[in-house]
Amino acid sequence: MKLYLGNLPYSATEEDLKTLLAEYGELEEVVVIKDKFSGRSKGFGFATLVSEEMARKAIEELNGKDMDGRNIVVNESKPMESRPRRDFGGNRGGFGGRRDDNRRSY
């Protein structure tokens, strides 16, 4: 079962999450989501536990638990919803509008 871990301290690493979840069974994957430019944690991550029963126990025991001064959120991960494409107006340059609109009439 895949878990969402949110409100993590920005200093949290994948090793920290592995340590936190170790008592709940075998982990398939642990990922801390990072900003692609700075490399800094975005404050959330995901972990996949082999046992669904132990994953549910981890949710019960860890949700709201203090981690470096932050009450973390732990729940079952839901599939990412498809979001509409972000359209920035289609005009890729300049100031927008028609050229005719910028002409002065004397």
Protein backbone atom coordinates (compact mmCIF):
# COMPACT_ATOMS: atom_id res chain seq x y z
CA MET A 1 0.00 0.00 0.00
CA LYS A 2 1.29 3.45 -0.91
CA LEU A 3 1.27 6.13 1.78
CA TYR A 4 1.32 9.90 1.47
CA LEU A 5 3.44 11.67 4.08
CA GLY A 6 2.84 15.40 4.31
CA ASN A 7 3.78 18.41 6.42
CA LEU A 8 7.27 16.96 6.70
CA PRO A 9 10.13 19.13 7.89
CA TYR A 10 12.02 20.49 4.89
CA SER A 11 15.10 18.81 6.30
CA ALA A 12 13.50 15.33 6.09
CA THR A 13 15.34 12.82 3.93
CA GLU A 14 14.41 9.45 2.50
CA GLU A 15 16.58 7.86 5.19
CA ASP A 16 14.54 9.67 7.87
CA LEU A 17 11.33 8.25 6.43
CA LYS A 18 12.82 4.76 6.22
CA THR A 19 13.76 5.00 9.90
CA LEU A 20 10.30 6.31 10.81
CA LEU A 21 8.52 3.49 8.95
CA ALA A 22 10.95 0.63 9.67
CA GLU A 23 8.86 -0.86 12.48
CA TYR A 24 5.85 -1.17 10.17
CA GLY A 25 7.35 -3.72 7.84
CA GLU A 26 9.22 -4.06 4.60
CA LEU A 27 9.38 -0.97 2.44
CA GLU A 28 9.29 -1.23 -1.34
CA GLU A 29 9.96 2.44 -2.04
CA VAL A 30 10.46 5.73 -0.20
CA VAL A 31 10.56 9.07 -1.98
CA VAL A 32 10.82 12.64 -0.69
CA ILE A 33 9.56 15.07 -3.33
CA LYS A 34 12.12 17.77 -4.06
CA ASP A 35 12.08 21.06 -5.93
CA LYS A 36 13.69 20.47 -9.31
CA PHE A 37 15.64 23.73 -9.23
CA SER A 38 16.85 24.00 -5.63
CA GLY A 39 16.87 20.29 -4.72
CA ARG A 40 15.17 21.21 -1.42
CA SER A 41 12.37 19.03 -0.06
CA LYS A 42 8.85 20.25 -0.81
CA GLY A 43 7.66 18.93 2.56
CA PHE A 44 5.96 15.75 1.40
CA GLY A 45 6.76 12.29 0.15
CA PHE A 46 5.50 8.78 -0.49
CA ALA A 47 6.29 5.35 0.88
CA THR A 48 5.11 1.95 -0.25
CA LEU A 49 4.81 -0.79 2.35
CA VAL A 50 4.51 -4.44 1.37
CA SER A 51 1.86 -5.23 3.99
CA GLU A 52 -1.46 -3.38 3.73
CA GLU A 53 -2.22 -4.27 7.36
CA MET A 54 1.02 -2.69 8.58
CA ALA A 55 0.47 0.34 6.35
CA ARG A 56 -2.91 0.91 8.01
CA LYS A 57 -1.24 0.59 11.42
CA ALA A 58 1.37 3.18 10.35
CA ILE A 59 -1.43 5.57 9.33
CA GLU A 60 -3.16 5.13 12.71
CA GLU A 61 0.01 5.59 14.77
CA LEU A 62 1.92 8.21 12.76
CA ASN A 63 -0.76 10.59 11.50
CA GLY A 64 -0.43 13.76 13.61
CA LYS A 65 2.85 12.61 15.19
CA ASP A 66 5.50 15.27 15.85
CA MET A 67 8.55 15.18 13.60
CA ASP A 68 11.05 17.97 14.26
CA GLY A 69 8.33 20.32 15.47
CA ARG A 70 5.80 19.54 12.74
CA ASN A 71 2.69 17.37 13.03
CA ILE A 72 3.04 15.10 10.03
CA VAL A 73 0.14 13.88 7.92
CA VAL A 74 0.08 10.19 7.01
CA ASN A 75 -2.68 8.68 4.92
CA GLU A 76 -3.29 6.39 2.00
CA SER A 77 -2.01 7.86 -1.23
CA LYS A 78 -4.63 8.53 -3.85
CA PRO A 79 -3.94 8.50 -7.59
CA MET A 80 -2.99 11.86 -8.99
CA GLU A 81 -5.94 13.59 -10.62
CA SER A 82 -5.48 14.73 -14.16
CA ARG A 83 -5.35 18.49 -14.29
CA PRO A 84 -6.25 20.64 -17.25
CA ARG A 85 -3.40 21.90 -19.34
CA ARG A 86 -2.24 25.34 -18.25
CA ASP A 87 -2.66 27.75 -21.13
CA PHE A 88 -0.77 31.01 -20.91
CA GLY A 89 -2.75 32.73 -23.64
CA GLY A 90 -1.11 31.13 -26.64
CA ASN A 91 0.91 34.25 -27.42
CA ARG A 92 4.49 33.26 -26.70
CA GLY A 93 6.17 36.61 -26.96
CA GLY A 94 5.85 40.33 -27.10
CA PHE A 95 3.18 42.27 -25.33
CA GLY A 96 0.16 40.49 -26.72
CA GLY A 97 -2.72 41.95 -28.64
CA ARG A 98 -2.83 42.83 -32.31
CA ARG A 99 -0.25 45.05 -33.89
CA ASP A 100 -3.01 47.34 -35.19
CA ASP A 101 -4.10 48.11 -31.62
CA ASN A 102 -0.77 49.72 -30.80
CA ARG A 103 -0.78 52.22 -33.67
CA ARG A 104 -1.62 55.78 -33.03
CA SER A 105 -3.85 57.73 -35.32
CA TYR A 106 -2.75 61.31 -35.91
